[in-house]
Amino acid sequence: MSERIETAIEIFGPENCNCSQAVAVAFGEDVGMEKPMAMDVARGFGGGIGRFGLTCGAVTGALMILGLKVSKDEPDEKKAKAKAYEMAGEFRTKFEARHGTMECKSLVGIDLSTEEGKKLNDEKKITRTLCPDFVRTAAEILDDMV
């Protein structure tokens, strides 16, 4: 297992990193983004984008890194955007092959945007139990792609 994958898994939670931050921090330096910036940029994406249960934060963190990787490699914006979309599609296919979806709400089985969902998560530690696997998957896929 690569050091970046291990880092993403290790910092999820203990350093108060959300899933998106864990992936962005672990891979950020590879694309010229220092840890403080990665923490700031990815902060609002945990819990499926602001706990709305949308796209998994580990996925959005990975897509941020892929976008930065593309911009380092391709100066033409039109080509960079096409390449980023292509890579996002590849990432989605691989993530969904393992988990069936990229939707946070479906992955964790609760709606984190509701008081009931937050309370259930606090009591049962659902995101701390399930999400490390999604962070690992996102990091493994990203590690292969960068």
N, C-alpha and C. Protein backbone atom coordinates (compact mmCIF):
# COMPACT_ATOMS: atom_id res chain seq x y z
N MET A 1 0.84 -1.18 0.00
CA MET A 1 0.00 0.00 0.00
C MET A 1 0.89 1.25 0.00
N SER A 2 0.52 2.22 -0.82
CA SER A 2 1.35 3.41 -0.91
C SER A 2 1.20 4.29 0.34
N GLU A 3 2.17 5.12 0.54
CA GLU A 3 2.17 6.03 1.69
C GLU A 3 0.98 6.97 1.65
N ARG A 4 0.59 7.41 0.44
CA ARG A 4 -0.54 8.33 0.32
C ARG A 4 -1.85 7.67 0.76
N ILE A 5 -2.03 6.41 0.40
CA ILE A 5 -3.24 5.68 0.82
C ILE A 5 -3.25 5.56 2.34
N GLU A 6 -2.13 5.17 2.90
CA GLU A 6 -2.02 5.04 4.36
C GLU A 6 -2.31 6.37 5.05
N THR A 7 -1.77 7.46 4.50
CA THR A 7 -1.99 8.78 5.09
C THR A 7 -3.46 9.14 5.08
N ALA A 8 -4.13 8.93 3.97
CA ALA A 8 -5.56 9.26 3.87
C ALA A 8 -6.35 8.52 4.94
N ILE A 9 -6.08 7.25 5.11
CA ILE A 9 -6.80 6.44 6.08
C ILE A 9 -6.45 6.88 7.51
N GLU A 10 -5.19 7.14 7.75
CA GLU A 10 -4.74 7.51 9.09
C GLU A 10 -5.28 8.85 9.56
N ILE A 11 -5.37 9.83 8.68
CA ILE A 11 -5.77 11.17 9.13
C ILE A 11 -7.28 11.38 9.11
N PHE A 12 -8.02 10.47 8.49
CA PHE A 12 -9.47 10.59 8.53
C PHE A 12 -9.94 10.38 9.97
N GLY A 13 -10.51 11.40 10.53
CA GLY A 13 -11.01 11.28 11.90
C GLY A 13 -10.07 11.78 12.96
N PRO A 14 -8.95 11.08 13.20
CA PRO A 14 -8.09 11.48 14.32
C PRO A 14 -7.62 12.93 14.25
N GLU A 15 -7.39 13.44 13.06
CA GLU A 15 -6.96 14.84 12.94
C GLU A 15 -8.15 15.74 12.66
N ASN A 16 -9.34 15.22 12.91
CA ASN A 16 -10.57 15.95 12.62
C ASN A 16 -10.73 16.27 11.13
N CYS A 17 -10.16 15.43 10.31
CA CYS A 17 -10.33 15.56 8.86
C CYS A 17 -11.62 14.88 8.45
N ASN A 18 -12.36 15.51 7.57
CA ASN A 18 -13.48 14.80 6.99
C ASN A 18 -12.94 13.96 5.84
N CYS A 19 -13.79 13.20 5.20
CA CYS A 19 -13.37 12.27 4.15
C CYS A 19 -12.72 12.99 2.97
N SER A 20 -13.28 14.11 2.58
CA SER A 20 -12.73 14.87 1.46
C SER A 20 -11.36 15.44 1.81
N GLN A 21 -11.22 15.98 3.00
CA GLN A 21 -9.94 16.52 3.45
C GLN A 21 -8.88 15.44 3.52
N ALA A 22 -9.25 14.26 4.00
CA ALA A 22 -8.27 13.18 4.14
C ALA A 22 -7.64 12.83 2.80
N VAL A 23 -8.46 12.72 1.76
CA VAL A 23 -7.94 12.38 0.43
C VAL A 23 -7.16 13.56 -0.14
N ALA A 24 -7.71 14.76 -0.03
CA ALA A 24 -7.02 15.94 -0.59
C ALA A 24 -5.68 16.19 0.08
N VAL A 25 -5.61 16.02 1.39
CA VAL A 25 -4.35 16.22 2.12
C VAL A 25 -3.33 15.15 1.72
N ALA A 26 -3.77 13.91 1.68
CA ALA A 26 -2.84 12.81 1.39
C ALA A 26 -2.19 12.93 0.01
N PHE A 27 -2.90 13.51 -0.94
CA PHE A 27 -2.39 13.60 -2.32
C PHE A 27 -2.05 15.02 -2.74
N GLY A 28 -2.36 16.00 -1.90
CA GLY A 28 -2.20 17.39 -2.28
C GLY A 28 -0.80 17.81 -2.67
N GLU A 29 0.18 17.38 -1.90
CA GLU A 29 1.55 17.81 -2.19
C GLU A 29 2.02 17.33 -3.56
N ASP A 30 1.47 16.22 -4.04
CA ASP A 30 1.83 15.70 -5.36
C ASP A 30 1.43 16.65 -6.48
N VAL A 31 0.44 17.51 -6.21
CA VAL A 31 -0.05 18.43 -7.23
C VAL A 31 0.16 19.89 -6.82
N GLY A 32 1.06 20.11 -5.86
CA GLY A 32 1.43 21.46 -5.46
C GLY A 32 0.50 22.13 -4.46
N MET A 33 -0.28 21.34 -3.73
CA MET A 33 -1.19 21.90 -2.74
C MET A 33 -0.74 21.46 -1.35
N GLU A 34 -0.31 22.42 -0.56
CA GLU A 34 0.14 22.14 0.80
C GLU A 34 -1.04 21.75 1.69
N LYS A 35 -0.75 21.10 2.81
CA LYS A 35 -1.79 20.61 3.71
C LYS A 35 -2.79 21.68 4.15
N PRO A 36 -2.35 22.87 4.59
CA PRO A 36 -3.34 23.86 5.02
C PRO A 36 -4.34 24.23 3.92
N MET A 37 -3.85 24.35 2.69
CA MET A 37 -4.75 24.68 1.58
C MET A 37 -5.69 23.51 1.29
N ALA A 38 -5.18 22.30 1.32
CA ALA A 38 -6.03 21.13 1.07
C ALA A 38 -7.13 21.04 2.14
N MET A 39 -6.77 21.29 3.39
CA MET A 39 -7.76 21.28 4.47
C MET A 39 -8.84 22.34 4.22
N ASP A 40 -8.42 23.52 3.82
CA ASP A 40 -9.36 24.62 3.58
C ASP A 40 -10.27 24.33 2.38
N VAL A 41 -9.68 23.93 1.28
CA VAL A 41 -10.43 23.72 0.04
C VAL A 41 -11.46 22.60 0.19
N ALA A 42 -11.09 21.53 0.87
CA ALA A 42 -11.96 20.35 0.96
C ALA A 42 -12.92 20.39 2.15
N ARG A 43 -12.80 21.38 3.00
CA ARG A 43 -13.56 21.43 4.26
C ARG A 43 -15.07 21.25 4.08
N GLY A 44 -15.66 21.89 3.13
CA GLY A 44 -17.12 21.85 2.97
C GLY A 44 -17.66 20.65 2.23
N PHE A 45 -16.80 19.71 1.85
CA PHE A 45 -17.25 18.60 1.01
C PHE A 45 -17.52 17.30 1.78
N GLY A 46 -17.24 17.27 3.07
CA GLY A 46 -17.50 16.07 3.85
C GLY A 46 -18.99 15.79 3.98
N GLY A 47 -19.32 14.54 4.22
CA GLY A 47 -20.72 14.16 4.39
C GLY A 47 -21.53 14.31 3.12
N GLY A 48 -20.87 14.17 2.00
CA GLY A 48 -21.59 14.30 0.73
C GLY A 48 -21.91 15.74 0.40
N ILE A 49 -20.92 16.61 0.55
CA ILE A 49 -21.00 18.04 0.30
C ILE A 49 -21.86 18.71 1.39
N GLY A 50 -21.18 19.13 2.42
CA GLY A 50 -21.84 19.85 3.51
C GLY A 50 -22.87 19.04 4.27
N ARG A 51 -22.65 17.73 4.37
CA ARG A 51 -23.56 16.79 5.03
C ARG A 51 -24.92 16.70 4.34
N PHE A 52 -24.98 17.01 3.03
CA PHE A 52 -26.24 16.91 2.30
C PHE A 52 -26.48 15.51 1.76
N GLY A 53 -25.49 14.61 1.91
CA GLY A 53 -25.66 13.24 1.45
C GLY A 53 -25.52 13.07 -0.05
N LEU A 54 -24.91 14.03 -0.70
CA LEU A 54 -24.75 13.97 -2.16
C LEU A 54 -23.51 13.15 -2.49
N THR A 55 -22.65 13.64 -3.35
CA THR A 55 -21.46 12.89 -3.73
C THR A 55 -20.53 12.70 -2.54
N CYS A 56 -20.09 11.47 -2.33
CA CYS A 56 -19.19 11.10 -1.24
C CYS A 56 -18.00 12.07 -1.20
N GLY A 57 -17.69 12.54 0.00
CA GLY A 57 -16.58 13.47 0.16
C GLY A 57 -15.24 12.90 -0.26
N ALA A 58 -15.02 11.61 -0.06
CA ALA A 58 -13.76 11.00 -0.50
C ALA A 58 -13.64 11.10 -2.01
N VAL A 59 -14.76 11.00 -2.70
CA VAL A 59 -14.78 11.13 -4.16
C VAL A 59 -14.49 12.57 -4.55
N THR A 60 -15.13 13.53 -3.90
CA THR A 60 -14.89 14.93 -4.29
C THR A 60 -13.45 15.33 -4.00
N GLY A 61 -12.88 14.83 -2.90
CA GLY A 61 -11.47 15.11 -2.62
C GLY A 61 -10.57 14.56 -3.73
N ALA A 62 -10.88 13.37 -4.18
CA ALA A 62 -10.09 12.76 -5.26
C ALA A 62 -10.25 13.54 -6.56
N LEU A 63 -11.45 13.98 -6.85
CA LEU A 63 -11.67 14.74 -8.09
C LEU A 63 -10.96 16.09 -8.07
N MET A 64 -10.84 16.69 -6.89
CA MET A 64 -10.06 17.93 -6.77
C MET A 64 -8.61 17.67 -7.17
N ILE A 65 -8.06 16.58 -6.67
CA ILE A 65 -6.67 16.24 -6.97
C ILE A 65 -6.50 15.95 -8.46
N LEU A 66 -7.43 15.21 -9.04
CA LEU A 66 -7.35 14.92 -10.47
C LEU A 66 -7.40 16.21 -11.29
N GLY A 67 -8.24 17.15 -10.90
CA GLY A 67 -8.32 18.42 -11.60
C GLY A 67 -7.01 19.19 -11.53
N LEU A 68 -6.37 19.18 -10.36
CA LEU A 68 -5.07 19.85 -10.23
C LEU A 68 -3.99 19.12 -11.02
N LYS A 69 -4.06 17.81 -11.04
CA LYS A 69 -3.09 17.02 -11.81
C LYS A 69 -3.20 17.36 -13.29
N VAL A 70 -4.42 17.44 -13.79
CA VAL A 70 -4.63 17.75 -15.20
C VAL A 70 -4.09 19.14 -15.52
N SER A 71 -4.35 20.13 -14.63
CA SER A 71 -3.88 21.48 -14.93
C SER A 71 -2.37 21.60 -14.93
N LYS A 72 -1.71 20.73 -14.16
CA LYS A 72 -0.24 20.74 -14.19
C LYS A 72 0.28 20.16 -15.51
N ASP A 73 -0.47 19.21 -16.08
CA ASP A 73 -0.03 18.50 -17.28
C ASP A 73 -0.52 19.11 -18.59
N GLU A 74 -1.62 19.88 -18.54
CA GLU A 74 -2.25 20.38 -19.77
C GLU A 74 -2.59 21.86 -19.63
N PRO A 75 -1.82 22.75 -20.28
CA PRO A 75 -2.06 24.18 -20.15
C PRO A 75 -3.31 24.69 -20.90
N ASP A 76 -3.73 23.99 -21.93
CA ASP A 76 -4.90 24.41 -22.69
C ASP A 76 -6.17 24.07 -21.93
N GLU A 77 -6.97 25.08 -21.59
CA GLU A 77 -8.15 24.88 -20.73
C GLU A 77 -9.17 23.93 -21.36
N LYS A 78 -9.42 24.05 -22.63
CA LYS A 78 -10.41 23.18 -23.27
C LYS A 78 -9.98 21.72 -23.20
N LYS A 79 -8.71 21.47 -23.47
CA LYS A 79 -8.19 20.10 -23.40
C LYS A 79 -8.13 19.62 -21.95
N ALA A 80 -7.77 20.52 -21.03
CA ALA A 80 -7.69 20.16 -19.62
C ALA A 80 -9.07 19.77 -19.09
N LYS A 81 -10.07 20.53 -19.47
CA LYS A 81 -11.43 20.23 -19.01
C LYS A 81 -11.89 18.88 -19.56
N ALA A 82 -11.64 18.63 -20.83
CA ALA A 82 -12.02 17.34 -21.44
C ALA A 82 -11.31 16.19 -20.73
N LYS A 83 -10.03 16.36 -20.44
CA LYS A 83 -9.26 15.32 -19.75
C LYS A 83 -9.78 15.12 -18.32
N ALA A 84 -10.09 16.21 -17.63
CA ALA A 84 -10.61 16.11 -16.26
C ALA A 84 -11.95 15.37 -16.25
N TYR A 85 -12.80 15.64 -17.20
CA TYR A 85 -14.09 14.95 -17.29
C TYR A 85 -13.89 13.46 -17.57
N GLU A 86 -12.95 13.17 -18.45
CA GLU A 86 -12.64 11.78 -18.77
C GLU A 86 -12.13 11.04 -17.52
N MET A 87 -11.24 11.67 -16.79
CA MET A 87 -10.68 11.06 -15.59
C MET A 87 -11.76 10.92 -14.50
N ALA A 88 -12.64 11.90 -14.41
CA ALA A 88 -13.74 11.82 -13.43
C ALA A 88 -14.65 10.63 -13.76
N GLY A 89 -14.89 10.42 -15.05
CA GLY A 89 -15.70 9.28 -15.46
C GLY A 89 -15.04 7.96 -15.13
N GLU A 90 -13.74 7.89 -15.36
CA GLU A 90 -12.99 6.67 -15.03
C GLU A 90 -13.03 6.42 -13.52
N PHE A 91 -12.83 7.49 -12.75
CA PHE A 91 -12.87 7.36 -11.30
C PHE A 91 -14.24 6.87 -10.85
N ARG A 92 -15.29 7.48 -11.38
CA ARG A 92 -16.65 7.08 -11.01
C ARG A 92 -16.90 5.61 -11.30
N THR A 93 -16.52 5.16 -12.47
CA THR A 93 -16.72 3.77 -12.85
C THR A 93 -16.04 2.83 -11.85
N LYS A 94 -14.82 3.14 -11.48
CA LYS A 94 -14.07 2.28 -10.55
C LYS A 94 -14.66 2.33 -9.15
N PHE A 95 -15.04 3.50 -8.68
CA PHE A 95 -15.61 3.62 -7.33
C PHE A 95 -16.95 2.89 -7.26
N GLU A 96 -17.80 3.11 -8.26
CA GLU A 96 -19.11 2.47 -8.25
C GLU A 96 -19.01 0.96 -8.45
N ALA A 97 -17.97 0.49 -9.11
CA ALA A 97 -17.78 -0.96 -9.26
C ALA A 97 -17.58 -1.61 -7.89
N ARG A 98 -16.97 -0.87 -6.97
CA ARG A 98 -16.73 -1.41 -5.62
C ARG A 98 -17.89 -1.19 -4.66
N HIS A 99 -18.57 -0.04 -4.82
CA HIS A 99 -19.56 0.33 -3.81
C HIS A 99 -20.98 0.52 -4.35
N GLY A 100 -21.15 0.45 -5.66
CA GLY A 100 -22.48 0.56 -6.24
C GLY A 100 -22.99 1.96 -6.47
N THR A 101 -22.41 2.93 -5.79
CA THR A 101 -22.86 4.32 -5.89
C THR A 101 -21.75 5.24 -5.38
N MET A 102 -21.88 6.53 -5.69
CA MET A 102 -21.00 7.54 -5.12
C MET A 102 -21.78 8.44 -4.17
N GLU A 103 -23.07 8.16 -4.01
CA GLU A 103 -23.93 9.00 -3.18
C GLU A 103 -23.73 8.68 -1.70
N CYS A 104 -23.31 9.67 -0.95
CA CYS A 104 -23.03 9.50 0.48
C CYS A 104 -24.21 8.90 1.23
N LYS A 105 -25.38 9.46 1.02
CA LYS A 105 -26.58 9.01 1.74
C LYS A 105 -26.82 7.52 1.53
N SER A 106 -26.60 7.05 0.32
CA SER A 106 -26.78 5.63 0.03
C SER A 106 -25.64 4.79 0.61
N LEU A 107 -24.44 5.32 0.57
CA LEU A 107 -23.29 4.59 1.10
C LEU A 107 -23.40 4.36 2.60
N VAL A 108 -23.80 5.38 3.34
CA VAL A 108 -23.84 5.26 4.80
C VAL A 108 -25.21 4.86 5.33
N GLY A 109 -26.23 4.96 4.50
CA GLY A 109 -27.56 4.51 4.91
C GLY A 109 -28.31 5.44 5.84
N ILE A 110 -27.82 6.67 5.99
CA ILE A 110 -28.53 7.66 6.79
C ILE A 110 -28.45 9.01 6.10
N ASP A 111 -29.35 9.90 6.46
CA ASP A 111 -29.36 11.25 5.90
C ASP A 111 -28.72 12.19 6.91
N LEU A 112 -27.49 12.56 6.66
CA LEU A 112 -26.73 13.41 7.58
C LEU A 112 -27.22 14.85 7.60
N SER A 113 -28.12 15.20 6.69
CA SER A 113 -28.63 16.58 6.65
C SER A 113 -29.78 16.78 7.63
N THR A 114 -30.26 15.71 8.23
CA THR A 114 -31.36 15.82 9.19
C THR A 114 -30.85 15.66 10.61
N GLU A 115 -31.60 16.22 11.55
CA GLU A 115 -31.24 16.08 12.96
C GLU A 115 -31.28 14.60 13.36
N GLU A 116 -32.25 13.88 12.86
CA GLU A 116 -32.36 12.45 13.16
C GLU A 116 -31.13 11.69 12.66
N GLY A 117 -30.71 12.00 11.43
CA GLY A 117 -29.54 11.34 10.86
C GLY A 117 -28.27 11.68 11.62
N LYS A 118 -28.10 12.95 11.99
CA LYS A 118 -26.92 13.36 12.77
C LYS A 118 -26.89 12.66 14.12
N LYS A 119 -28.06 12.58 14.76
CA LYS A 119 -28.14 11.94 16.07
C LYS A 119 -27.81 10.45 15.96
N LEU A 120 -28.37 9.79 14.96
CA LEU A 120 -28.10 8.37 14.75
C LEU A 120 -26.61 8.14 14.48
N ASN A 121 -26.01 9.03 13.69
CA ASN A 121 -24.58 8.91 13.40
C ASN A 121 -23.75 9.11 14.68
N ASP A 122 -24.13 10.09 15.48
CA ASP A 122 -23.41 10.32 16.73
C ASP A 122 -23.49 9.12 17.66
N GLU A 123 -24.67 8.51 17.73
CA GLU A 123 -24.87 7.36 18.62
C GLU A 123 -24.16 6.11 18.13
N LYS A 124 -24.28 5.85 16.84
CA LYS A 124 -23.78 4.58 16.30
C LYS A 124 -22.44 4.71 15.57
N LYS A 125 -21.92 5.94 15.46
CA LYS A 125 -20.63 6.19 14.81
C LYS A 125 -20.59 5.58 13.40
N ILE A 126 -21.68 5.77 12.67
CA ILE A 126 -21.81 5.15 11.35
C ILE A 126 -20.72 5.63 10.39
N THR A 127 -20.50 6.96 10.33
CA THR A 127 -19.49 7.44 9.39
C THR A 127 -18.08 7.03 9.81
N ARG A 128 -17.84 6.89 11.09
CA ARG A 128 -16.51 6.45 11.55
C ARG A 128 -16.29 4.97 11.31
N THR A 129 -17.39 4.24 11.15
CA THR A 129 -17.31 2.80 10.90
C THR A 129 -17.23 2.49 9.41
N LEU A 130 -18.10 3.14 8.62
CA LEU A 130 -18.19 2.83 7.19
C LEU A 130 -17.24 3.66 6.31
N CYS A 131 -17.09 4.91 6.63
CA CYS A 131 -16.38 5.82 5.73
C CYS A 131 -14.89 5.55 5.54
N PRO A 132 -14.19 4.97 6.51
CA PRO A 132 -12.79 4.65 6.23
C PRO A 132 -12.61 3.75 4.99
N ASP A 133 -13.57 2.89 4.74
CA ASP A 133 -13.50 2.04 3.55
C ASP A 133 -13.66 2.86 2.27
N PHE A 134 -14.52 3.89 2.31
CA PHE A 134 -14.71 4.74 1.14
C PHE A 134 -13.48 5.62 0.91
N VAL A 135 -12.88 6.08 2.00
CA VAL A 135 -11.63 6.85 1.91
C VAL A 135 -10.54 5.96 1.29
N ARG A 136 -10.44 4.73 1.77
CA ARG A 136 -9.45 3.79 1.23
C ARG A 136 -9.68 3.56 -0.27
N THR A 137 -10.91 3.30 -0.65
CA THR A 137 -11.21 3.06 -2.06
C THR A 137 -10.83 4.26 -2.90
N ALA A 138 -11.25 5.45 -2.49
CA ALA A 138 -10.94 6.66 -3.25
C ALA A 138 -9.43 6.85 -3.36
N ALA A 139 -8.72 6.63 -2.27
CA ALA A 139 -7.26 6.79 -2.27
C ALA A 139 -6.59 5.75 -3.16
N GLU A 140 -7.06 4.51 -3.12
CA GLU A 140 -6.47 3.47 -3.97
C GLU A 140 -6.68 3.79 -5.45
N ILE A 141 -7.89 4.19 -5.81
CA ILE A 141 -8.17 4.51 -7.20
C ILE A 141 -7.33 5.71 -7.64
N LEU A 142 -7.32 6.74 -6.80
CA LEU A 142 -6.55 7.94 -7.11
C LEU A 142 -5.06 7.63 -7.24
N ASP A 143 -4.55 6.81 -6.35
CA ASP A 143 -3.14 6.44 -6.39
C ASP A 143 -2.79 5.78 -7.73
N ASP A 144 -3.70 4.96 -8.25
CA ASP A 144 -3.48 4.34 -9.56
C ASP A 144 -3.56 5.35 -10.70
N MET A 145 -4.36 6.39 -10.51
CA MET A 145 -4.59 7.35 -11.59
C MET A 145 -3.57 8.47 -11.65
N VAL A 146 -2.93 8.77 -10.53
CA VAL A 146 -1.92 9.84 -10.55
C VAL A 146 -0.55 9.23 -10.54
